[in-house]
């Protein structure tokens, strides 16, 4: 994966996690409810991160294959 794309995805996910955490921590819920919400939020973020990584990896592989095909034609 191109390093710029990886950095963008990592920055986005870090920002989303920080925002979600602060939002939940500042919410007026009981401790147990807040912990459960945090767990659910991080589980969802983990799933989204895996999906984003897979999409980026697939796009990279597709681009690499296209470049190899173009080189063979040249």
Protein backbone atom coordinates (compact mmCIF):
# COMPACT_ATOMS: atom_id res chain seq x y z
CA UNK A 1 0.00 0.00 0.00
CA UNK A 2 1.23 3.47 -0.76
CA UNK A 3 2.49 5.11 2.42
CA UNK A 4 0.43 8.29 1.90
CA UNK A 5 -2.82 6.33 1.70
CA UNK A 6 -1.96 4.37 4.82
CA UNK A 7 -1.21 7.56 6.73
CA UNK A 8 -4.51 9.12 5.66
CA UNK A 9 -6.49 6.07 6.76
CA UNK A 10 -4.62 5.90 10.07
CA UNK A 11 -5.19 9.62 10.74
CA UNK A 12 -8.88 9.32 9.92
CA UNK A 13 -9.36 6.34 12.21
CA UNK A 14 -7.40 7.95 15.03
CA UNK A 15 -9.51 11.09 14.77
CA UNK A 16 -12.74 9.10 14.71
CA UNK A 17 -11.68 7.08 17.75
CA UNK A 18 -10.64 10.18 19.68
CA UNK A 19 -13.87 12.00 18.85
CA UNK A 20 -16.04 9.04 19.75
CA UNK A 21 -14.18 8.47 23.00
CA UNK A 22 -14.44 12.08 24.10
CA UNK A 23 -18.10 12.22 23.17
CA UNK A 24 -18.90 9.14 25.19
CA UNK A 25 -16.76 10.11 28.15
CA UNK A 26 -18.44 13.50 28.39
CA UNK A 27 -21.95 12.05 28.09
CA UNK A 28 -23.95 11.98 31.33
CA UNK A 29 -24.34 8.18 31.53
CA UNK A 30 -23.50 5.72 34.28
CA UNK A 31 -20.00 4.25 34.20
CA UNK A 32 -21.15 0.81 33.10
CA UNK A 33 -23.26 2.25 30.29
CA UNK A 34 -20.37 4.43 29.14
CA UNK A 35 -17.96 1.49 29.12
CA UNK A 36 -20.44 -0.57 27.09
CA UNK A 37 -20.87 2.27 24.59
CA UNK A 38 -17.10 2.66 24.32
CA UNK A 39 -16.70 -1.07 23.68
CA UNK A 40 -19.38 -1.03 20.99
CA UNK A 41 -17.90 2.08 19.38
CA UNK A 42 -14.40 0.62 19.27
CA UNK A 43 -15.73 -2.67 17.93
CA UNK A 44 -17.44 -0.78 15.12
CA UNK A 45 -14.33 1.30 14.46
CA UNK A 46 -12.25 -1.88 14.32
CA UNK A 47 -14.60 -3.36 11.74
CA UNK A 48 -14.54 -0.15 9.69
CA UNK A 49 -10.75 -0.07 9.88
CA UNK A 50 -10.54 -3.63 8.59
CA UNK A 51 -12.92 -2.79 5.75
CA UNK A 52 -10.96 0.36 4.85
CA UNK A 53 -7.68 -1.55 4.92
CA UNK A 54 -9.12 -4.29 2.71
CA UNK A 55 -10.44 -1.74 0.20
CA UNK A 56 -7.09 0.07 0.12
CA UNK A 57 -5.25 -3.21 -0.28
CA UNK A 58 -7.56 -4.30 -3.12
CA UNK A 59 -7.14 -0.93 -4.86
CA UNK A 60 -3.35 -1.19 -4.54
CA UNK A 61 -3.32 -4.71 -5.96
CA UNK A 62 -5.57 -3.67 -8.85
CA UNK A 63 -3.32 -0.72 -9.64
CA UNK A 64 -0.23 -2.91 -9.48
CA UNK A 65 -1.80 -5.44 -11.86
CA UNK A 66 -2.77 -2.66 -14.28
CA UNK A 67 0.77 -1.32 -14.26
CA UNK A 68 2.21 -4.77 -14.91
CA UNK A 69 -0.22 -5.28 -17.81
CA UNK A 70 0.78 -1.92 -19.30
CA UNK A 71 4.47 -2.81 -19.01
CA UNK A 72 3.90 -6.09 -20.85
CA UNK A 73 2.10 -4.26 -23.67
CA UNK A 74 4.92 -1.73 -24.05
